Amino acid sequence: MRQPSRERVIGAILAILSTIIIIILFLVDPQINTAPPRTIVYVESYGPDRTDADIKRDQIKDQKERDAFKEAKKKQFQKLEKQLGM
C-alpha cells in the first residue's frame, strides 16, 4: 500500500486534472457572452414648423405600411398552410 503503483499515480493525476478543468470552466463560463448586444435606435427629426396635418398624414402613411406588412405576412402563412395541407 505504501509504494505507489503506476495505475494509482495515473488515476490520481487524472482525477486532479479533471477537477481543475471543471473548476476553470465554472470560473470562465459566466464571463462569456453575458452582455446583451447593442441595439441601434433610429429617431426621426422633425422641424418646429410641422403642422397637425403633416402629423396625421405621416400617421396614415405609417399605418398603411404596417397594414401592408401584416397582410403580406398573413398571405405567407396562408401559402405555407396550403403547402402543408392544413
PDB file of N, CA and C in Angstrom:
ATOM      1  N   MET A   1       0.816  -1.191   0.000  1.00  0.00           N
ATOM      2  CA  MET A   1       0.000   0.000   0.000  1.00  0.00           C
ATOM      3  C   MET A   1       0.862   1.258   0.000  1.00  0.00           C
ATOM      4  N   ARG A   2       2.054   1.174   0.611  1.00  0.00           N
ATOM      5  CA  ARG A   2       2.891   2.370   0.701  1.00  0.00           C
ATOM      6  C   ARG A   2       3.561   2.709  -0.624  1.00  0.00           C
ATOM      7  N   GLN A   3       3.843   1.743  -1.402  1.00  0.00           N
ATOM      8  CA  GLN A   3       4.513   2.003  -2.666  1.00  0.00           C
ATOM      9  C   GLN A   3       3.463   2.309  -3.732  1.00  0.00           C
ATOM     10  N   PRO A   4       3.520   3.533  -4.309  1.00  0.00           N
ATOM     11  CA  PRO A   4       2.520   3.899  -5.331  1.00  0.00           C
ATOM     12  C   PRO A   4       2.776   3.133  -6.628  1.00  0.00           C
ATOM     13  N   SER A   5       1.729   2.531  -7.129  1.00  0.00           N
ATOM     14  CA  SER A   5       1.853   1.841  -8.401  1.00  0.00           C
ATOM     15  C   SER A   5       1.598   2.833  -9.533  1.00  0.00           C
ATOM     16  N   ARG A   6       1.926   2.423 -10.708  1.00  0.00           N
ATOM     17  CA  ARG A   6       1.786   3.298 -11.881  1.00  0.00           C
ATOM     18  C   ARG A   6       0.320   3.655 -12.120  1.00  0.00           C
ATOM     19  N   GLU A   7      -0.589   2.692 -11.958  1.00  0.00           N
ATOM     20  CA  GLU A   7      -2.009   2.938 -12.172  1.00  0.00           C
ATOM     21  C   GLU A   7      -2.576   3.930 -11.171  1.00  0.00           C
ATOM     22  N   ARG A   8      -2.118   3.827  -9.930  1.00  0.00           N
ATOM     23  CA  ARG A   8      -2.572   4.771  -8.899  1.00  0.00           C
ATOM     24  C   ARG A   8      -2.155   6.195  -9.226  1.00  0.00           C
ATOM     25  N   VAL A   9      -0.935   6.372  -9.666  1.00  0.00           N
ATOM     26  CA  VAL A   9      -0.422   7.709  -9.987  1.00  0.00           C
ATOM     27  C   VAL A   9      -1.189   8.288 -11.170  1.00  0.00           C
ATOM     28  N   ILE A  10      -1.390   7.475 -12.178  1.00  0.00           N
ATOM     29  CA  ILE A  10      -2.135   7.949 -13.353  1.00  0.00           C
ATOM     30  C   ILE A  10      -3.571   8.286 -12.964  1.00  0.00           C
ATOM     31  N   GLY A  11      -4.212   7.456 -12.153  1.00  0.00           N
ATOM     32  CA  GLY A  11      -5.577   7.723 -11.698  1.00  0.00           C
ATOM     33  C   GLY A  11      -5.667   8.999 -10.872  1.00  0.00           C
ATOM     34  N   ALA A  12      -4.701   9.211  -9.987  1.00  0.00           N
ATOM     35  CA  ALA A  12      -4.702  10.418  -9.151  1.00  0.00           C
ATOM     36  C   ALA A  12      -4.493  11.670 -10.005  1.00  0.00           C
ATOM     37  N   ILE A  13      -3.590  11.592 -10.955  1.00  0.00           N
ATOM     38  CA  ILE A  13      -3.334  12.738 -11.836  1.00  0.00           C
ATOM     39  C   ILE A  13      -4.569  13.060 -12.664  1.00  0.00           C
ATOM     40  N   LEU A  14      -5.228  12.038 -13.203  1.00  0.00           N
ATOM     41  CA  LEU A  14      -6.436  12.279 -13.997  1.00  0.00           C
ATOM     42  C   LEU A  14      -7.563  12.847 -13.142  1.00  0.00           C
ATOM     43  N   ALA A  15      -7.706  12.370 -11.916  1.00  0.00           N
ATOM     44  CA  ALA A  15      -8.750  12.889 -11.026  1.00  0.00           C
ATOM     45  C   ALA A  15      -8.501  14.361 -10.694  1.00  0.00           C
ATOM     46  N   ILE A  16      -7.277  14.699 -10.384  1.00  0.00           N
ATOM     47  CA  ILE A  16      -6.938  16.096 -10.060  1.00  0.00           C
ATOM     48  C   ILE A  16      -7.083  16.971 -11.299  1.00  0.00           C
ATOM     49  N   LEU A  17      -6.634  16.484 -12.447  1.00  0.00           N
ATOM     50  CA  LEU A  17      -6.719  17.260 -13.689  1.00  0.00           C
ATOM     51  C   LEU A  17      -8.169  17.525 -14.080  1.00  0.00           C
ATOM     52  N   SER A  18      -9.024  16.516 -14.004  1.00  0.00           N
ATOM     53  CA  SER A  18     -10.424  16.726 -14.373  1.00  0.00           C
ATOM     54  C   SER A  18     -11.107  17.695 -13.408  1.00  0.00           C
ATOM     55  N   THR A  19     -10.770  17.621 -12.121  1.00  0.00           N
ATOM     56  CA  THR A  19     -11.335  18.559 -11.150  1.00  0.00           C
ATOM     57  C   THR A  19     -10.894  19.981 -11.448  1.00  0.00           C
ATOM     58  N   ILE A  20      -9.636  20.177 -11.776  1.00  0.00           N
ATOM     59  CA  ILE A  20      -9.125  21.518 -12.104  1.00  0.00           C
ATOM     60  C   ILE A  20      -9.807  22.054 -13.365  1.00  0.00           C
ATOM     61  N   ILE A  21      -9.992  21.207 -14.362  1.00  0.00           N
ATOM     62  CA  ILE A  21     -10.656  21.640 -15.599  1.00  0.00           C
ATOM     63  C   ILE A  21     -12.091  22.067 -15.325  1.00  0.00           C
ATOM     64  N   ILE A  22     -12.811  21.317 -14.508  1.00  0.00           N
ATOM     65  CA  ILE A  22     -14.188  21.680 -14.180  1.00  0.00           C
ATOM     66  C   ILE A  22     -14.238  23.004 -13.429  1.00  0.00           C
ATOM     67  N   ILE A  23     -13.336  23.209 -12.488  1.00  0.00           N
ATOM     68  CA  ILE A  23     -13.304  24.477 -11.736  1.00  0.00           C
ATOM     69  C   ILE A  23     -12.991  25.639 -12.662  1.00  0.00           C
ATOM     70  N   ILE A  24     -12.045  25.465 -13.572  1.00  0.00           N
ATOM     71  CA  ILE A  24     -11.709  26.536 -14.524  1.00  0.00           C
ATOM     72  C   ILE A  24     -12.908  26.854 -15.411  1.00  0.00           C
ATOM     73  N   LEU A  25     -13.620  25.832 -15.878  1.00  0.00           N
ATOM     74  CA  LEU A  25     -14.799  26.070 -16.707  1.00  0.00           C
ATOM     75  C   LEU A  25     -15.875  26.830 -15.946  1.00  0.00           C
ATOM     76  N   PHE A  26     -16.083  26.517 -14.677  1.00  0.00           N
ATOM     77  CA  PHE A  26     -17.062  27.249 -13.881  1.00  0.00           C
ATOM     78  C   PHE A  26     -16.649  28.701 -13.674  1.00  0.00           C
ATOM     79  N   LEU A  27     -15.360  28.980 -13.628  1.00  0.00           N
ATOM     80  CA  LEU A  27     -14.891  30.353 -13.440  1.00  0.00           C
ATOM     81  C   LEU A  27     -14.930  31.162 -14.737  1.00  0.00           C
ATOM     82  N   VAL A  28     -14.680  30.516 -15.867  1.00  0.00           N
ATOM     83  CA  VAL A  28     -14.591  31.221 -17.148  1.00  0.00           C
ATOM     84  C   VAL A  28     -15.962  31.377 -17.806  1.00  0.00           C
ATOM     85  N   ASP A  29     -16.833  30.405 -17.671  1.00  0.00           N
ATOM     86  CA  ASP A  29     -18.112  30.391 -18.385  1.00  0.00           C
ATOM     87  C   ASP A  29     -18.997  31.605 -18.124  1.00  0.00           C
ATOM     88  N   PRO A  30     -19.168  32.092 -16.901  1.00  0.00           N
ATOM     89  CA  PRO A  30     -20.058  33.242 -16.707  1.00  0.00           C
ATOM     90  C   PRO A  30     -19.581  34.523 -17.395  1.00  0.00           C
ATOM     91  N   GLN A  31     -18.343  34.580 -17.814  1.00  0.00           N
ATOM     92  CA  GLN A  31     -17.816  35.792 -18.424  1.00  0.00           C
ATOM     93  C   GLN A  31     -17.924  35.783 -19.944  1.00  0.00           C
ATOM     94  N   ILE A  32     -18.427  34.714 -20.514  1.00  0.00           N
ATOM     95  CA  ILE A  32     -18.520  34.591 -21.967  1.00  0.00           C
ATOM     96  C   ILE A  32     -19.960  34.839 -22.401  1.00  0.00           C
ATOM     97  N   ASN A  33     -20.148  35.742 -23.371  1.00  0.00           N
ATOM     98  CA  ASN A  33     -21.452  36.036 -23.973  1.00  0.00           C
ATOM     99  C   ASN A  33     -22.533  36.397 -22.961  1.00  0.00           C
ATOM    100  N   THR A  34     -22.206  37.209 -21.991  1.00  0.00           N
ATOM    101  CA  THR A  34     -23.204  37.585 -20.988  1.00  0.00           C
ATOM    102  C   THR A  34     -23.826  38.943 -21.279  1.00  0.00           C
ATOM    103  N   ALA A  35     -23.131  39.800 -21.974  1.00  0.00           N
ATOM    104  CA  ALA A  35     -23.658  41.136 -22.252  1.00  0.00           C
ATOM    105  C   ALA A  35     -24.628  41.076 -23.436  1.00  0.00           C
ATOM    106  N   PRO A  36     -25.772  41.739 -23.318  1.00  0.00           N
ATOM    107  CA  PRO A  36     -26.687  41.763 -24.464  1.00  0.00           C
ATOM    108  C   PRO A  36     -26.089  42.597 -25.594  1.00  0.00           C
ATOM    109  N   PRO A  37     -26.430  42.258 -26.825  1.00  0.00           N
ATOM    110  CA  PRO A  37     -25.871  43.025 -27.940  1.00  0.00           C
ATOM    111  C   PRO A  37     -26.421  44.441 -27.959  1.00  0.00           C
ATOM    112  N   ARG A  38     -25.657  45.336 -28.517  1.00  0.00           N
ATOM    113  CA  ARG A  38     -26.100  46.725 -28.618  1.00  0.00           C
ATOM    114  C   ARG A  38     -27.251  46.826 -29.609  1.00  0.00           C
ATOM    115  N   THR A  39     -28.199  47.689 -29.295  1.00  0.00           N
ATOM    116  CA  THR A  39     -29.310  47.930 -30.207  1.00  0.00           C
ATOM    117  C   THR A  39     -29.233  49.357 -30.711  1.00  0.00           C
ATOM    118  N   ILE A  40     -29.513  49.519 -31.976  1.00  0.00           N
ATOM    119  CA  ILE A  40     -29.478  50.834 -32.594  1.00  0.00           C
ATOM    120  C   ILE A  40     -30.907  51.334 -32.704  1.00  0.00           C
ATOM    121  N   VAL A  41     -31.129  52.548 -32.224  1.00  0.00           N
ATOM    122  CA  VAL A  41     -32.456  53.147 -32.270  1.00  0.00           C
ATOM    123  C   VAL A  41     -32.385  54.350 -33.206  1.00  0.00           C
ATOM    124  N   TYR A  42     -33.211  54.311 -34.253  1.00  0.00           N
ATOM    125  CA  TYR A  42     -33.257  55.420 -35.193  1.00  0.00           C
ATOM    126  C   TYR A  42     -34.416  56.332 -34.816  1.00  0.00           C
ATOM    127  N   VAL A  43     -34.149  57.620 -34.796  1.00  0.00           N
ATOM    128  CA  VAL A  43     -35.158  58.598 -34.413  1.00  0.00           C
ATOM    129  C   VAL A  43     -35.321  59.593 -35.547  1.00  0.00           C
ATOM    130  N   GLU A  44     -36.591  59.856 -35.900  1.00  0.00           N
ATOM    131  CA  GLU A  44     -36.838  60.861 -36.925  1.00  0.00           C
ATOM    132  C   GLU A  44     -36.787  62.239 -36.298  1.00  0.00           C
ATOM    133  N   SER A  45     -36.187  63.145 -37.005  1.00  0.00           N
ATOM    134  CA  SER A  45     -36.095  64.514 -36.523  1.00  0.00           C
ATOM    135  C   SER A  45     -37.082  65.376 -37.319  1.00  0.00           C
ATOM    136  N   TYR A  46     -37.944  66.087 -36.603  1.00  0.00           N
ATOM    137  CA  TYR A  46     -38.948  66.929 -37.238  1.00  0.00           C
ATOM    138  C   TYR A  46     -38.656  68.390 -36.928  1.00  0.00           C
ATOM    139  N   GLY A  47     -39.018  69.227 -37.888  1.00  0.00           N
ATOM    140  CA  GLY A  47     -38.817  70.652 -37.712  1.00  0.00           C
ATOM    141  C   GLY A  47     -39.881  71.258 -36.800  1.00  0.00           C
ATOM    142  N   PRO A  48     -39.618  72.420 -36.260  1.00  0.00           N
ATOM    143  CA  PRO A  48     -40.579  73.060 -35.355  1.00  0.00           C
ATOM    144  C   PRO A  48     -41.821  73.586 -36.078  1.00  0.00           C
ATOM    145  N   ASP A  49     -41.767  73.689 -37.419  1.00  0.00           N
ATOM    146  CA  ASP A  49     -42.892  74.219 -38.179  1.00  0.00           C
ATOM    147  C   ASP A  49     -43.821  73.120 -38.688  1.00  0.00           C
ATOM    148  N   ARG A  50     -43.772  71.943 -38.097  1.00  0.00           N
ATOM    149  CA  ARG A  50     -44.598  70.809 -38.509  1.00  0.00           C
ATOM    150  C   ARG A  50     -46.035  71.019 -38.033  1.00  0.00           C
ATOM    151  N   THR A  51     -46.974  70.853 -38.939  1.00  0.00           N
ATOM    152  CA  THR A  51     -48.375  71.104 -38.607  1.00  0.00           C
ATOM    153  C   THR A  51     -49.076  69.808 -38.211  1.00  0.00           C
ATOM    154  N   ASP A  52     -50.271  69.951 -37.676  1.00  0.00           N
ATOM    155  CA  ASP A  52     -51.068  68.786 -37.311  1.00  0.00           C
ATOM    156  C   ASP A  52     -51.438  67.972 -38.539  1.00  0.00           C
ATOM    157  N   ALA A  53     -51.657  68.625 -39.646  1.00  0.00           N
ATOM    158  CA  ALA A  53     -51.989  67.913 -40.884  1.00  0.00           C
ATOM    159  C   ALA A  53     -50.808  67.042 -41.322  1.00  0.00           C
ATOM    160  N   ASP A  54     -49.594  67.549 -41.175  1.00  0.00           N
ATOM    161  CA  ASP A  54     -48.410  66.754 -41.508  1.00  0.00           C
ATOM    162  C   ASP A  54     -48.311  65.519 -40.613  1.00  0.00           C
ATOM    163  N   ILE A  55     -48.605  65.720 -39.340  1.00  0.00           N
ATOM    164  CA  ILE A  55     -48.537  64.610 -38.388  1.00  0.00           C
ATOM    165  C   ILE A  55     -49.557  63.540 -38.766  1.00  0.00           C
ATOM    166  N   LYS A  56     -50.787  63.958 -39.055  1.00  0.00           N
ATOM    167  CA  LYS A  56     -51.836  62.999 -39.417  1.00  0.00           C
ATOM    168  C   LYS A  56     -51.503  62.271 -40.711  1.00  0.00           C
ATOM    169  N   ARG A  57     -50.955  63.002 -41.671  1.00  0.00           N
ATOM    170  CA  ARG A  57     -50.574  62.397 -42.947  1.00  0.00           C
ATOM    171  C   ARG A  57     -49.495  61.335 -42.728  1.00  0.00           C
ATOM    172  N   ASP A  58     -48.502  61.648 -41.894  1.00  0.00           N
ATOM    173  CA  ASP A  58     -47.443  60.671 -41.600  1.00  0.00           C
ATOM    174  C   ASP A  58     -47.991  59.454 -40.859  1.00  0.00           C
ATOM    175  N   GLN A  59     -48.935  59.686 -39.946  1.00  0.00           N
ATOM    176  CA  GLN A  59     -49.528  58.574 -39.211  1.00  0.00           C
ATOM    177  C   GLN A  59     -50.318  57.663 -40.139  1.00  0.00           C
ATOM    178  N   ILE A  60     -51.056  58.244 -41.061  1.00  0.00           N
ATOM    179  CA  ILE A  60     -51.826  57.447 -42.021  1.00  0.00           C
ATOM    180  C   ILE A  60     -50.890  56.643 -42.917  1.00  0.00           C
ATOM    181  N   LYS A  61     -49.809  57.279 -43.364  1.00  0.00           N
ATOM    182  CA  LYS A  61     -48.834  56.598 -44.218  1.00  0.00           C
ATOM    183  C   LYS A  61     -48.189  55.433 -43.457  1.00  0.00           C
ATOM    184  N   ASP A  62     -47.806  55.669 -42.202  1.00  0.00           N
ATOM    185  CA  ASP A  62     -47.192  54.616 -41.397  1.00  0.00           C
ATOM    186  C   ASP A  62     -48.175  53.475 -41.137  1.00  0.00           C
ATOM    187  N   GLN A  63     -49.439  53.820 -40.897  1.00  0.00           N
ATOM    188  CA  GLN A  63     -50.448  52.780 -40.656  1.00  0.00           C
ATOM    189  C   GLN A  63     -50.659  51.928 -41.902  1.00  0.00           C
ATOM    190  N   LYS A  64     -50.662  52.552 -43.081  1.00  0.00           N
ATOM    191  CA  LYS A  64     -50.802  51.803 -44.329  1.00  0.00           C
ATOM    192  C   LYS A  64     -49.629  50.835 -44.518  1.00  0.00           C
ATOM    193  N   GLU A  65     -48.425  51.279 -44.177  1.00  0.00           N
ATOM    194  CA  GLU A  65     -47.251  50.412 -44.283  1.00  0.00           C
ATOM    195  C   GLU A  65     -47.371  49.229 -43.331  1.00  0.00           C
ATOM    196  N   ARG A  66     -47.814  49.485 -42.090  1.00  0.00           N
ATOM    197  CA  ARG A  66     -47.996  48.398 -41.126  1.00  0.00           C
ATOM    198  C   ARG A  66     -49.061  47.419 -41.595  1.00  0.00           C
ATOM    199  N   ASP A  67     -50.167  47.938 -42.124  1.00  0.00           N
ATOM    200  CA  ASP A  67     -51.239  47.076 -42.616  1.00  0.00           C
ATOM    201  C   ASP A  67     -50.769  46.228 -43.802  1.00  0.00           C
ATOM    202  N   ALA A  68     -50.000  46.839 -44.701  1.00  0.00           N
ATOM    203  CA  ALA A  68     -49.483  46.099 -45.857  1.00  0.00           C
ATOM    204  C   ALA A  68     -48.527  44.989 -45.399  1.00  0.00           C
ATOM    205  N   PHE A  69     -47.710  45.265 -44.397  1.00  0.00           N
ATOM    206  CA  PHE A  69     -46.796  44.261 -43.869  1.00  0.00           C
ATOM    207  C   PHE A  69     -47.571  43.108 -43.235  1.00  0.00           C
ATOM    208  N   LYS A  70     -48.605  43.459 -42.447  1.00  0.00           N
ATOM    209  CA  LYS A  70     -49.424  42.410 -41.820  1.00  0.00           C
ATOM    210  C   LYS A  70     -50.123  41.549 -42.870  1.00  0.00           C
ATOM    211  N   GLU A  71     -50.622  42.184 -43.925  1.00  0.00           N
ATOM    212  CA  GLU A  71     -51.314  41.456 -44.985  1.00  0.00           C
ATOM    213  C   GLU A  71     -50.342  40.522 -45.721  1.00  0.00           C
ATOM    214  N   ALA A  72     -49.130  41.022 -45.993  1.00  0.00           N
ATOM    215  CA  ALA A  72     -48.132  40.184 -46.662  1.00  0.00           C
ATOM    216  C   ALA A  72     -47.761  38.994 -45.777  1.00  0.00           C
ATOM    217  N   LYS A  73     -47.613  39.215 -44.487  1.00  0.00           N
ATOM    218  CA  LYS A  73     -47.295  38.137 -43.554  1.00  0.00           C
ATOM    219  C   LYS A  73     -48.439  37.120 -43.497  1.00  0.00           C
ATOM    220  N   LYS A  74     -49.672  37.627 -43.515  1.00  0.00           N
ATOM    221  CA  LYS A  74     -50.842  36.753 -43.491  1.00  0.00           C
ATOM    222  C   LYS A  74     -50.878  35.871 -44.737  1.00  0.00           C
ATOM    223  N   LYS A  75     -50.571  36.462 -45.911  1.00  0.00           N
ATOM    224  CA  LYS A  75     -50.555  35.693 -47.150  1.00  0.00           C
ATOM    225  C   LYS A  75     -49.457  34.632 -47.135  1.00  0.00           C
ATOM    226  N   GLN A  76     -48.323  34.965 -46.543  1.00  0.00           N
ATOM    227  CA  GLN A  76     -47.251  33.977 -46.443  1.00  0.00           C
ATOM    228  C   GLN A  76     -47.690  32.786 -45.602  1.00  0.00           C
ATOM    229  N   PHE A  77     -48.366  33.061 -44.485  1.00  0.00           N
ATOM    230  CA  PHE A  77     -48.828  31.973 -43.636  1.00  0.00           C
ATOM    231  C   PHE A  77     -49.908  31.146 -44.332  1.00  0.00           C
ATOM    232  N   GLN A  78     -50.772  31.810 -45.089  1.00  0.00           N
ATOM    233  CA  GLN A  78     -51.805  31.079 -45.822  1.00  0.00           C
ATOM    234  C   GLN A  78     -51.171  30.178 -46.890  1.00  0.00           C
ATOM    235  N   LYS A  79     -50.149  30.675 -47.558  1.00  0.00           N
ATOM    236  CA  LYS A  79     -49.447  29.888 -48.563  1.00  0.00           C
ATOM    237  C   LYS A  79     -48.768  28.682 -47.907  1.00  0.00           C
ATOM    238  N   LEU A  80     -48.136  28.908 -46.769  1.00  0.00           N
ATOM    239  CA  LEU A  80     -47.500  27.816 -46.046  1.00  0.00           C
ATOM    240  C   LEU A  80     -48.530  26.798 -45.570  1.00  0.00           C
ATOM    241  N   GLU A  81     -49.678  27.304 -45.139  1.00  0.00           N
ATOM    242  CA  GLU A  81     -50.755  26.426 -44.694  1.00  0.00           C
ATOM    243  C   GLU A  81     -51.233  25.518 -45.823  1.00  0.00           C
ATOM    244  N   LYS A  82     -51.356  26.095 -47.024  1.00  0.00           N
ATOM    245  CA  LYS A  82     -51.774  25.293 -48.183  1.00  0.00           C
ATOM    246  C   LYS A  82     -50.721  24.268 -48.557  1.00  0.00           C
ATOM    247  N   GLN A  83     -49.443  24.647 -48.444  1.00  0.00           N
ATOM    248  CA  GLN A  83     -48.364  23.718 -48.787  1.00  0.00           C
ATOM    249  C   GLN A  83     -48.331  22.538 -47.816  1.00  0.00           C
ATOM    250  N   LEU A  84     -48.645  22.810 -46.556  1.00  0.00           N
ATOM    251  CA  LEU A  84     -48.599  21.752 -45.557  1.00  0.00           C
ATOM    252  C   LEU A  84     -49.899  20.979 -45.475  1.00  0.00           C
ATOM    253  N   GLY A  85     -50.928  21.460 -46.169  1.00  0.00           N
ATOM    254  CA  GLY A  85     -52.200  20.759 -46.209  1.00  0.00           C
ATOM    255  C   GLY A  85     -52.984  20.869 -44.906  1.00  0.00           C
ATOM    256  N   MET A  86     -52.929  21.992 -44.323  1.00  0.00           N
ATOM    257  CA  MET A  86     -53.628  22.173 -43.038  1.00  0.00           C
ATOM    258  C   MET A  86     -55.032  22.715 -43.243  1.00  0.00           C
TER     259      MET A  86
END
